Amino acid sequence: MSLKKTYAKDKGSCKVAFELPDAAAEGASSVYLVGDFNNWNESATPMKKSKDGIWAAVISLQCGREYYFRYLIDGLRWENDWNADKYVKSPYSDAENSVVIV
C-alpha cells in the first residue's frame, strides 16, 4: 500500500493515488476514501478493487497542504493507510487519522 503522488507541472495540484491492499480489507464488499478533502463524506469517494486485490482511488489535491483521511470498509470499520506520510490524533475518538502531504 502506498500513496503515489503525481504533481502538475505548475506544482499547483497533485494527483494522489490511494491504495489499500486486500489484506487490510479482507472480505470487504466496499471501501470508501474519506477525509477532509471530501468533508468526511462517507460515500463521496468509492474505491475500486483491481484483479490483484488492491482497492484504489485517485483524486486531485491542492499543493502546499496536509490532508487527513481514513478508509471506511463496508460502512462499519475504519482503517488507516499503513504508509501515510504521518498520523495525527483524531479529535472524535481514541484513534488516529492518516495524513497525506502534498
PDB file of N, CA and C in Angstrom:
ATOM      1  N   MET A   1       0.857  -1.169   0.000  1.00  0.00           N
ATOM      2  CA  MET A   1       0.000   0.000   0.000  1.00  0.00           C
ATOM      3  C   MET A   1       0.894   1.221   0.000  1.00  0.00           C
ATOM      4  N   SER A   2       0.507   2.176  -0.783  1.00  0.00           N
ATOM      5  CA  SER A   2       1.310   3.394  -0.812  1.00  0.00           C
ATOM      6  C   SER A   2       0.480   4.538  -1.349  1.00  0.00           C
ATOM      7  N   LEU A   3       1.004   5.724  -1.132  1.00  0.00           N
ATOM      8  CA  LEU A   3       0.420   6.928  -1.697  1.00  0.00           C
ATOM      9  C   LEU A   3       1.300   7.341  -2.863  1.00  0.00           C
ATOM     10  N   LYS A   4       0.774   7.270  -4.061  1.00  0.00           N
ATOM     11  CA  LYS A   4       1.537   7.659  -5.241  1.00  0.00           C
ATOM     12  C   LYS A   4       1.113   9.062  -5.646  1.00  0.00           C
ATOM     13  N   LYS A   5       2.103   9.963  -5.725  1.00  0.00           N
ATOM     14  CA  LYS A   5       1.821  11.374  -5.996  1.00  0.00           C
ATOM     15  C   LYS A   5       2.388  11.769  -7.349  1.00  0.00           C
ATOM     16  N   THR A   6       1.544  12.425  -8.158  1.00  0.00           N
ATOM     17  CA  THR A   6       1.954  12.937  -9.457  1.00  0.00           C
ATOM     18  C   THR A   6       1.623  14.421  -9.484  1.00  0.00           C
ATOM     19  N   TYR A   7       2.672  15.259  -9.438  1.00  0.00           N
ATOM     20  CA  TYR A   7       2.483  16.711  -9.367  1.00  0.00           C
ATOM     21  C   TYR A   7       2.284  17.299 -10.756  1.00  0.00           C
ATOM     22  N   ALA A   8       1.400  18.283 -10.843  1.00  0.00           N
ATOM     23  CA  ALA A   8       1.195  19.032 -12.084  1.00  0.00           C
ATOM     24  C   ALA A   8       2.453  19.843 -12.357  1.00  0.00           C
ATOM     25  N   LYS A   9       2.672  20.165 -13.623  1.00  0.00           N
ATOM     26  CA  LYS A   9       3.876  20.924 -13.998  1.00  0.00           C
ATOM     27  C   LYS A   9       3.974  22.253 -13.272  1.00  0.00           C
ATOM     28  N   ASP A  10       2.837  22.883 -13.016  1.00  0.00           N
ATOM     29  CA  ASP A  10       2.853  24.184 -12.326  1.00  0.00           C
ATOM     30  C   ASP A  10       2.919  24.036 -10.802  1.00  0.00           C
ATOM     31  N   LYS A  11       2.934  22.793 -10.318  1.00  0.00           N
ATOM     32  CA  LYS A  11       3.016  22.475  -8.882  1.00  0.00           C
ATOM     33  C   LYS A  11       1.822  23.009  -8.081  1.00  0.00           C
ATOM     34  N   GLY A  12       0.726  23.329  -8.763  1.00  0.00           N
ATOM     35  CA  GLY A  12      -0.453  23.832  -8.069  1.00  0.00           C
ATOM     36  C   GLY A  12      -1.361  22.725  -7.569  1.00  0.00           C
ATOM     37  N   SER A  13      -1.273  21.573  -8.221  1.00  0.00           N
ATOM     38  CA  SER A  13      -2.099  20.451  -7.804  1.00  0.00           C
ATOM     39  C   SER A  13      -1.310  19.154  -7.921  1.00  0.00           C
ATOM     40  N   CYS A  14      -1.843  18.136  -7.289  1.00  0.00           N
ATOM     41  CA  CYS A  14      -1.189  16.836  -7.273  1.00  0.00           C
ATOM     42  C   CYS A  14      -2.259  15.757  -7.332  1.00  0.00           C
ATOM     43  N   LYS A  15      -2.099  14.808  -8.248  1.00  0.00           N
ATOM     44  CA  LYS A  15      -2.981  13.648  -8.277  1.00  0.00           C
ATOM     45  C   LYS A  15      -2.381  12.613  -7.326  1.00  0.00           C
ATOM     46  N   VAL A  16      -3.199  12.202  -6.371  1.00  0.00           N
ATOM     47  CA  VAL A  16      -2.743  11.224  -5.393  1.00  0.00           C
ATOM     48  C   VAL A  16      -3.523   9.930  -5.600  1.00  0.00           C
ATOM     49  N   ALA A  17      -2.782   8.838  -5.773  1.00  0.00           N
ATOM     50  CA  ALA A  17      -3.378   7.514  -5.874  1.00  0.00           C
ATOM     51  C   ALA A  17      -3.322   6.863  -4.495  1.00  0.00           C
ATOM     52  N   PHE A  18      -4.494   6.634  -3.935  1.00  0.00           N
ATOM     53  CA  PHE A  18      -4.621   5.979  -2.648  1.00  0.00           C
ATOM     54  C   PHE A  18      -4.864   4.496  -2.903  1.00  0.00           C
ATOM     55  N   GLU A  19      -4.133   3.629  -2.211  1.00  0.00           N
ATOM     56  CA  GLU A  19      -4.282   2.193  -2.404  1.00  0.00           C
ATOM     57  C   GLU A  19      -4.363   1.480  -1.065  1.00  0.00           C
ATOM     58  N   LEU A  20      -5.284   0.540  -0.975  1.00  0.00           N
ATOM     59  CA  LEU A  20      -5.453  -0.272   0.222  1.00  0.00           C
ATOM     60  C   LEU A  20      -5.418  -1.734  -0.219  1.00  0.00           C
ATOM     61  N   PRO A  21      -4.459  -2.523   0.287  1.00  0.00           N
ATOM     62  CA  PRO A  21      -4.384  -3.923  -0.137  1.00  0.00           C
ATOM     63  C   PRO A  21      -5.528  -4.743   0.446  1.00  0.00           C
ATOM     64  N   ASP A  22      -5.852  -5.838  -0.213  1.00  0.00           N
ATOM     65  CA  ASP A  22      -6.932  -6.697   0.239  1.00  0.00           C
ATOM     66  C   ASP A  22      -6.664  -7.231   1.647  1.00  0.00           C
ATOM     67  N   ALA A  23      -5.401  -7.376   2.029  1.00  0.00           N
ATOM     68  CA  ALA A  23      -5.067  -7.857   3.379  1.00  0.00           C
ATOM     69  C   ALA A  23      -5.616  -6.925   4.451  1.00  0.00           C
ATOM     70  N   ALA A  24      -5.719  -5.648   4.140  1.00  0.00           N
ATOM     71  CA  ALA A  24      -6.250  -4.666   5.094  1.00  0.00           C
ATOM     72  C   ALA A  24      -7.768  -4.610   5.053  1.00  0.00           C
ATOM     73  N   ALA A  25      -8.355  -5.115   3.977  1.00  0.00           N
ATOM     74  CA  ALA A  25      -9.810  -5.062   3.812  1.00  0.00           C
ATOM     75  C   ALA A  25     -10.348  -6.433   3.416  1.00  0.00           C
ATOM     76  N   GLU A  26      -9.779  -7.453   3.995  1.00  0.00           N
ATOM     77  CA  GLU A  26     -10.117  -8.833   3.644  1.00  0.00           C
ATOM     78  C   GLU A  26     -11.619  -9.090   3.716  1.00  0.00           C
ATOM     79  N   GLY A  27     -12.155  -9.602   2.622  1.00  0.00           N
ATOM     80  CA  GLY A  27     -13.569  -9.930   2.557  1.00  0.00           C
ATOM     81  C   GLY A  27     -14.497  -8.747   2.349  1.00  0.00           C
ATOM     82  N   ALA A  28     -13.949  -7.559   2.177  1.00  0.00           N
ATOM     83  CA  ALA A  28     -14.776  -6.355   2.027  1.00  0.00           C
ATOM     84  C   ALA A  28     -15.538  -6.368   0.714  1.00  0.00           C
ATOM     85  N   SER A  29     -16.744  -5.814   0.773  1.00  0.00           N
ATOM     86  CA  SER A  29     -17.506  -5.635  -0.461  1.00  0.00           C
ATOM     87  C   SER A  29     -17.466  -4.192  -0.928  1.00  0.00           C
ATOM     88  N   SER A  30     -17.075  -3.258  -0.022  1.00  0.00           N
ATOM     89  CA  SER A  30     -16.927  -1.860  -0.420  1.00  0.00           C
ATOM     90  C   SER A  30     -15.886  -1.176   0.458  1.00  0.00           C
ATOM     91  N   VAL A  31     -15.177  -0.239  -0.155  1.00  0.00           N
ATOM     92  CA  VAL A  31     -14.215   0.599   0.568  1.00  0.00           C
ATOM     93  C   VAL A  31     -14.372   2.016   0.039  1.00  0.00           C
ATOM     94  N   TYR A  32     -14.412   2.982   0.961  1.00  0.00           N
ATOM     95  CA  TYR A  32     -14.517   4.386   0.595  1.00  0.00           C
ATOM     96  C   TYR A  32     -13.332   5.150   1.166  1.00  0.00           C
ATOM     97  N   LEU A  33     -12.841   6.105   0.398  1.00  0.00           N
ATOM     98  CA  LEU A  33     -11.806   7.031   0.836  1.00  0.00           C
ATOM     99  C   LEU A  33     -12.529   8.232   1.449  1.00  0.00           C
ATOM    100  N   VAL A  34     -12.261   8.490   2.730  1.00  0.00           N
ATOM    101  CA  VAL A  34     -12.993   9.528   3.452  1.00  0.00           C
ATOM    102  C   VAL A  34     -11.987  10.458   4.119  1.00  0.00           C
ATOM    103  N   GLY A  35     -12.143  11.762   3.908  1.00  0.00           N
ATOM    104  CA  GLY A  35     -11.204  12.691   4.520  1.00  0.00           C
ATOM    105  C   GLY A  35     -11.682  14.126   4.462  1.00  0.00           C
ATOM    106  N   ASP A  36     -10.813  15.020   4.910  1.00  0.00           N
ATOM    107  CA  ASP A  36     -11.214  16.428   4.915  1.00  0.00           C
ATOM    108  C   ASP A  36     -11.342  16.991   3.506  1.00  0.00           C
ATOM    109  N   PHE A  37     -10.742  16.350   2.507  1.00  0.00           N
ATOM    110  CA  PHE A  37     -10.845  16.797   1.111  1.00  0.00           C
ATOM    111  C   PHE A  37     -12.241  16.551   0.543  1.00  0.00           C
ATOM    112  N   ASN A  38     -13.038  15.679   1.168  1.00  0.00           N
ATOM    113  CA  ASN A  38     -14.415  15.476   0.726  1.00  0.00           C
ATOM    114  C   ASN A  38     -15.399  15.671   1.894  1.00  0.00           C
ATOM    115  N   ASN A  39     -14.984  16.527   2.851  1.00  0.00           N
ATOM    116  CA  ASN A  39     -15.810  16.872   4.014  1.00  0.00           C
ATOM    117  C   ASN A  39     -16.241  15.645   4.821  1.00  0.00           C
ATOM    118  N   TRP A  40     -15.377  14.636   4.856  1.00  0.00           N
ATOM    119  CA  TRP A  40     -15.617  13.395   5.596  1.00  0.00           C
ATOM    120  C   TRP A  40     -16.926  12.719   5.177  1.00  0.00           C
ATOM    121  N   ASN A  41     -17.269  12.910   3.895  1.00  0.00           N
ATOM    122  CA  ASN A  41     -18.467  12.287   3.339  1.00  0.00           C
ATOM    123  C   ASN A  41     -18.176  10.797   3.129  1.00  0.00           C
ATOM    124  N   GLU A  42     -18.915   9.949   3.804  1.00  0.00           N
ATOM    125  CA  GLU A  42     -18.647   8.512   3.805  1.00  0.00           C
ATOM    126  C   GLU A  42     -19.033   7.796   2.515  1.00  0.00           C
ATOM    127  N   SER A  43     -19.613   8.500   1.560  1.00  0.00           N
ATOM    128  CA  SER A  43     -19.968   7.847   0.296  1.00  0.00           C
ATOM    129  C   SER A  43     -19.498   8.632  -0.930  1.00  0.00           C
ATOM    130  N   ALA A  44     -18.731   9.690  -0.730  1.00  0.00           N
ATOM    131  CA  ALA A  44     -18.340  10.560  -1.845  1.00  0.00           C
ATOM    132  C   ALA A  44     -17.261   9.961  -2.741  1.00  0.00           C
ATOM    133  N   THR A  45     -16.358   9.164  -2.167  1.00  0.00           N
ATOM    134  CA  THR A  45     -15.217   8.686  -2.953  1.00  0.00           C
ATOM    135  C   THR A  45     -15.065   7.170  -2.828  1.00  0.00           C
ATOM    136  N   PRO A  46     -15.831   6.433  -3.646  1.00  0.00           N
ATOM    137  CA  PRO A  46     -15.699   4.971  -3.609  1.00  0.00           C
ATOM    138  C   PRO A  46     -14.370   4.534  -4.211  1.00  0.00           C
ATOM    139  N   MET A  47     -13.840   3.445  -3.689  1.00  0.00           N
ATOM    140  CA  MET A  47     -12.610   2.879  -4.232  1.00  0.00           C
ATOM    141  C   MET A  47     -12.991   1.649  -5.060  1.00  0.00           C
ATOM    142  N   LYS A  48     -12.171   1.357  -6.071  1.00  0.00           N
ATOM    143  CA  LYS A  48     -12.425   0.208  -6.940  1.00  0.00           C
ATOM    144  C   LYS A  48     -11.383  -0.859  -6.655  1.00  0.00           C
ATOM    145  N   LYS A  49     -11.842  -2.105  -6.660  1.00  0.00           N
ATOM    146  CA  LYS A  49     -10.951  -3.228  -6.397  1.00  0.00           C
ATOM    147  C   LYS A  49     -10.426  -3.787  -7.717  1.00  0.00           C
ATOM    148  N   SER A  50      -9.101  -3.889  -7.804  1.00  0.00           N
ATOM    149  CA  SER A  50      -8.482  -4.438  -9.006  1.00  0.00           C
ATOM    150  C   SER A  50      -8.437  -5.969  -8.926  1.00  0.00           C
ATOM    151  N   LYS A  51      -8.072  -6.603 -10.019  1.00  0.00           N
ATOM    152  CA  LYS A  51      -7.980  -8.065 -10.059  1.00  0.00           C
ATOM    153  C   LYS A  51      -6.954  -8.613  -9.077  1.00  0.00           C
ATOM    154  N   ASP A  52      -5.935  -7.803  -8.760  1.00  0.00           N
ATOM    155  CA  ASP A  52      -4.914  -8.260  -7.811  1.00  0.00           C
ATOM    156  C   ASP A  52      -5.269  -7.943  -6.362  1.00  0.00           C
ATOM    157  N   GLY A  53      -6.499  -7.488  -6.117  1.00  0.00           N
ATOM    158  CA  GLY A  53      -6.997  -7.308  -4.764  1.00  0.00           C
ATOM    159  C   GLY A  53      -6.725  -5.956  -4.130  1.00  0.00           C
ATOM    160  N   ILE A  54      -6.200  -5.019  -4.874  1.00  0.00           N
ATOM    161  CA  ILE A  54      -5.905  -3.691  -4.330  1.00  0.00           C
ATOM    162  C   ILE A  54      -7.087  -2.765  -4.571  1.00  0.00           C
ATOM    163  N   TRP A  55      -7.548  -2.135  -3.502  1.00  0.00           N
ATOM    164  CA  TRP A  55      -8.589  -1.114  -3.599  1.00  0.00           C
ATOM    165  C   TRP A  55      -7.904   0.212  -3.903  1.00  0.00           C
ATOM    166  N   ALA A  56      -8.399   0.967  -4.879  1.00  0.00           N
ATOM    167  CA  ALA A  56      -7.710   2.195  -5.296  1.00  0.00           C
ATOM    168  C   ALA A  56      -8.688   3.304  -5.668  1.00  0.00           C
ATOM    169  N   ALA A  57      -8.214   4.536  -5.456  1.00  0.00           N
ATOM    170  CA  ALA A  57      -8.925   5.743  -5.884  1.00  0.00           C
ATOM    171  C   ALA A  57      -7.872   6.812  -6.134  1.00  0.00           C
ATOM    172  N   VAL A  58      -8.102   7.641  -7.138  1.00  0.00           N
ATOM    173  CA  VAL A  58      -7.190   8.738  -7.467  1.00  0.00           C
ATOM    174  C   VAL A  58      -7.979  10.037  -7.378  1.00  0.00           C
ATOM    175  N   ILE A  59      -7.420  10.996  -6.624  1.00  0.00           N
ATOM    176  CA  ILE A  59      -8.054  12.304  -6.532  1.00  0.00           C
ATOM    177  C   ILE A  59      -6.994  13.391  -6.713  1.00  0.00           C
ATOM    178  N   SER A  60      -7.433  14.561  -7.127  1.00  0.00           N
ATOM    179  CA  SER A  60      -6.549  15.703  -7.302  1.00  0.00           C
ATOM    180  C   SER A  60      -6.668  16.607  -6.078  1.00  0.00           C
ATOM    181  N   LEU A  61      -5.512  16.977  -5.525  1.00  0.00           N
ATOM    182  CA  LEU A  61      -5.470  17.819  -4.327  1.00  0.00           C
ATOM    183  C   LEU A  61      -4.622  19.054  -4.572  1.00  0.00           C
ATOM    184  N   GLN A  62      -4.972  20.134  -3.904  1.00  0.00           N
ATOM    185  CA  GLN A  62      -4.205  21.381  -3.987  1.00  0.00           C
ATOM    186  C   GLN A  62      -2.890  21.205  -3.234  1.00  0.00           C
ATOM    187  N   CYS A  63      -1.796  21.649  -3.825  1.00  0.00           N
ATOM    188  CA  CYS A  63      -0.472  21.515  -3.208  1.00  0.00           C
ATOM    189  C   CYS A  63      -0.293  22.498  -2.050  1.00  0.00           C
ATOM    190  N   GLY A  64       0.686  22.190  -1.211  1.00  0.00           N
ATOM    191  CA  GLY A  64       1.011  23.061  -0.096  1.00  0.00           C
ATOM    192  C   GLY A  64       0.150  22.830   1.127  1.00  0.00           C
ATOM    193  N   ARG A  65      -0.474  21.649   1.215  1.00  0.00           N
ATOM    194  CA  ARG A  65      -1.376  21.347   2.331  1.00  0.00           C
ATOM    195  C   ARG A  65      -1.166  19.933   2.837  1.00  0.00           C
ATOM    196  N   GLU A  66      -1.702  19.697   4.017  1.00  0.00           N
ATOM    197  CA  GLU A  66      -1.799  18.359   4.581  1.00  0.00           C
ATOM    198  C   GLU A  66      -3.273  17.998   4.620  1.00  0.00           C
ATOM    199  N   TYR A  67      -3.598  16.763   4.263  1.00  0.00           N
ATOM    200  CA  TYR A  67      -4.971  16.298   4.245  1.00  0.00           C
ATOM    201  C   TYR A  67      -5.114  15.076   5.146  1.00  0.00           C
ATOM    202  N   TYR A  68      -6.132  15.079   6.003  1.00  0.00           N
ATOM    203  CA  TYR A  68      -6.412  13.955   6.888  1.00  0.00           C
ATOM    204  C   TYR A  68      -7.392  13.029   6.181  1.00  0.00           C
ATOM    205  N   PHE A  69      -7.209  11.718   6.384  1.00  0.00           N
ATOM    206  CA  PHE A  69      -8.104  10.759   5.740  1.00  0.00           C
ATOM    207  C   PHE A  69      -8.045   9.401   6.436  1.00  0.00           C
ATOM    208  N   ARG A  70      -9.032   8.574   6.093  1.00  0.00           N
ATOM    209  CA  ARG A  70      -9.087   7.172   6.522  1.00  0.00           C
ATOM    210  C   ARG A  70      -9.877   6.404   5.470  1.00  0.00           C
ATOM    211  N   TYR A  71      -9.820   5.089   5.561  1.00  0.00           N
ATOM    212  CA  TYR A  71     -10.601   4.216   4.688  1.00  0.00           C
ATOM    213  C   TYR A  71     -11.774   3.643   5.487  1.00  0.00           C
ATOM    214  N   LEU A  72     -12.964   3.654   4.899  1.00  0.00           N
ATOM    215  CA  LEU A  72     -14.146   3.083   5.525  1.00  0.00           C
ATOM    216  C   LEU A  72     -14.506   1.794   4.794  1.00  0.00           C
ATOM    217  N   ILE A  73     -14.447   0.695   5.518  1.00  0.00           N
ATOM    218  CA  ILE A  73     -14.647  -0.628   4.934  1.00  0.00           C
ATOM    219  C   ILE A  73     -16.041  -1.138   5.293  1.00  0.00           C
ATOM    220  N   ASP A  74     -16.826  -1.434   4.254  1.00  0.00           N
ATOM    221  CA  ASP A  74     -18.198  -1.942   4.399  1.00  0.00           C
ATOM    222  C   ASP A  74     -19.076  -1.075   5.296  1.00  0.00           C
ATOM    223  N   GLY A  75     -18.754   0.210   5.382  1.00  0.00           N
ATOM    224  CA  GLY A  75     -19.555   1.130   6.174  1.00  0.00           C
ATOM    225  C   GLY A  75     -19.479   0.907   7.676  1.00  0.00           C
ATOM    226  N   LEU A  76     -18.574   0.029   8.111  1.00  0.00           N
ATOM    227  CA  LEU A  76     -18.513  -0.341   9.522  1.00  0.00           C
ATOM    228  C   LEU A  76     -17.150  -0.149  10.178  1.00  0.00           C
ATOM    229  N   ARG A  77     -16.105  -0.401   9.435  1.00  0.00           N
ATOM    230  CA  ARG A  77     -14.768  -0.444  10.031  1.00  0.00           C
ATOM    231  C   ARG A  77     -13.857   0.579   9.385  1.00  0.00           C
ATOM    232  N   TRP A  78     -13.117   1.307  10.213  1.00  0.00           N
ATOM    233  CA  TRP A  78     -12.163   2.307   9.734  1.00  0.00           C
ATOM    234  C   TRP A  78     -10.761   1.723   9.717  1.00  0.00           C
ATOM    235  N   GLU A  79      -9.989   2.074   8.692  1.00  0.00           N
ATOM    236  CA  GLU A  79      -8.602   1.607   8.565  1.00  0.00           C
ATOM    237  C   GLU A  79      -7.741   2.790   8.151  1.00  0.00           C
ATOM    238  N   ASN A  80      -6.558   2.871   8.725  1.00  0.00           N
ATOM    239  CA  ASN A  80      -5.588   3.881   8.312  1.00  0.00           C
ATOM    240  C   ASN A  80      -4.748   3.362   7.167  1.00  0.00           C
ATOM    241  N   ASP A  81      -4.100   4.270   6.478  1.00  0.00           N
ATOM    242  CA  ASP A  81      -3.151   3.907   5.431  1.00  0.00           C
ATOM    243  C   ASP A  81      -1.837   3.536   6.115  1.00  0.00           C
ATOM    244  N   TRP A  82      -1.367   2.341   5.889  1.00  0.00           N
ATOM    245  CA  TRP A  82      -0.171   1.843   6.557  1.00  0.00           C
ATOM    246  C   TRP A  82       1.087   2.603   6.155  1.00  0.00           C
ATOM    247  N   ASN A  83       1.025   3.323   5.041  1.00  0.00           N
ATOM    248  CA  ASN A  83       2.190   4.079   4.557  1.00  0.00           C
ATOM    249  C   ASN A  83       1.895   5.570   4.422  1.00  0.00           C
ATOM    250  N   ALA A  84       1.042   6.083   5.282  1.00  0.00           N
ATOM    251  CA  ALA A  84       0.724   7.515   5.252  1.00  0.00           C
ATOM    252  C   ALA A  84       1.984   8.331   5.538  1.00  0.00           C
ATOM    253  N   ASP A  85       1.949   9.591   5.144  1.00  0.00           N
ATOM    254  CA  ASP A  85       3.091  10.469   5.397  1.00  0.00           C
ATOM    255  C   ASP A  85       3.292  10.702   6.888  1.00  0.00           C
ATOM    256  N   LYS A  86       2.185  10.702   7.636  1.00  0.00           N
ATOM    257  CA  LYS A  86       2.231  10.778   9.095  1.00  0.00           C
ATOM    258  C   LYS A  86       0.838  10.493   9.620  1.00  0.00           C
ATOM    259  N   TYR A  87       0.694  10.496  10.949  1.00  0.00           N
ATOM    260  CA  TYR A  87      -0.591  10.253  11.599  1.00  0.00           C
ATOM    261  C   TYR A  87      -0.826  11.339  12.633  1.00  0.00           C
ATOM    262  N   VAL A  88      -2.097  11.702  12.847  1.00  0.00           N
ATOM    263  CA  VAL A  88      -2.468  12.678  13.875  1.00  0.00           C
ATOM    264  C   VAL A  88      -3.658  12.128  14.646  1.00  0.00           C
ATOM    265  N   LYS A  89      -3.730  12.473  15.901  1.00  0.00           N
ATOM    266  CA  LYS A  89      -4.830  12.020  16.745  1.00  0.00           C
ATOM    267  C   LYS A  89      -6.142  12.616  16.247  1.00  0.00           C
ATOM    268  N   SER A  90      -7.142  11.790  16.179  1.00  0.00           N
ATOM    269  CA  SER A  90      -8.466  12.236  15.780  1.00  0.00           C
ATOM    270  C   SER A  90      -9.134  12.959  16.937  1.00  0.00           C
ATOM    271  N   PRO A  91      -9.802  14.077  16.665  1.00  0.00           N
ATOM    272  CA  PRO A  91     -10.490  14.787  17.750  1.00  0.00           C
ATOM    273  C   PRO A  91     -11.797  14.114  18.171  1.00  0.00           C
ATOM    274  N   TYR A  92     -12.229  13.084  17.450  1.00  0.00           N
ATOM    275  CA  TYR A  92     -13.535  12.482  17.707  1.00  0.00           C
ATOM    276  C   TYR A  92     -13.506  11.129  18.391  1.00  0.00           C
ATOM    277  N   SER A  93     -12.347  10.518  18.501  1.00  0.00           N
ATOM    278  CA  SER A  93     -12.284   9.208  19.148  1.00  0.00           C
ATOM    279  C   SER A  93     -10.835   8.922  19.552  1.00  0.00           C
ATOM    280  N   ASP A  94     -10.657   7.781  20.142  1.00  0.00           N
ATOM    281  CA  ASP A  94      -9.319   7.360  20.535  1.00  0.00           C
ATOM    282  C   ASP A  94      -8.647   6.660  19.364  1.00  0.00           C
ATOM    283  N   ALA A  95      -8.508   7.375  18.264  1.00  0.00           N
ATOM    284  CA  ALA A  95      -7.932   6.830  17.040  1.00  0.00           C
ATOM    285  C   ALA A  95      -7.040   7.893  16.402  1.00  0.00           C
ATOM    286  N   GLU A  96      -6.367   7.482  15.354  1.00  0.00           N
ATOM    287  CA  GLU A  96      -5.535   8.407  14.588  1.00  0.00           C
ATOM    288  C   GLU A  96      -6.073   8.513  13.176  1.00  0.00           C
ATOM    289  N   ASN A  97      -5.831   9.655  12.547  1.00  0.00           N
ATOM    290  CA  ASN A  97      -6.109   9.838  11.131  1.00  0.00           C
ATOM    291  C   ASN A  97      -4.803   9.712  10.366  1.00  0.00           C
ATOM    292  N   SER A  98      -4.896   9.186   9.164  1.00  0.00           N
ATOM    293  CA  SER A  98      -3.754   9.184   8.256  1.00  0.00           C
ATOM    294  C   SER A  98      -3.621  10.590   7.668  1.00  0.00           C
ATOM    295  N   VAL A  99      -2.407  10.951   7.268  1.00  0.00           N
ATOM    296  CA  VAL A  99      -2.161  12.256   6.668  1.00  0.00           C
ATOM    297  C   VAL A  99      -1.375  12.073   5.381  1.00  0.00           C
ATOM    298  N   VAL A 100      -1.807  12.765   4.324  1.00  0.00           N
ATOM    299  CA  VAL A 100      -1.022  12.861   3.089  1.00  0.00           C
ATOM    300  C   VAL A 100      -0.602  14.313   2.953  1.00  0.00           C
ATOM    301  N   ILE A 101       0.662  14.519   2.637  1.00  0.00           N
ATOM    302  CA  ILE A 101       1.225  15.865   2.481  1.00  0.00           C
ATOM    303  C   ILE A 101       1.546  16.070   1.006  1.00  0.00           C
ATOM    304  N   VAL A 102       0.964  17.136   0.422  1.00  0.00           N
ATOM    305  CA  VAL A 102       1.248  17.438  -0.991  1.00  0.00           C
ATOM    306  C   VAL A 102       1.719  18.867  -1.149  1.00  0.00           C
TER     307      VAL A 102
END
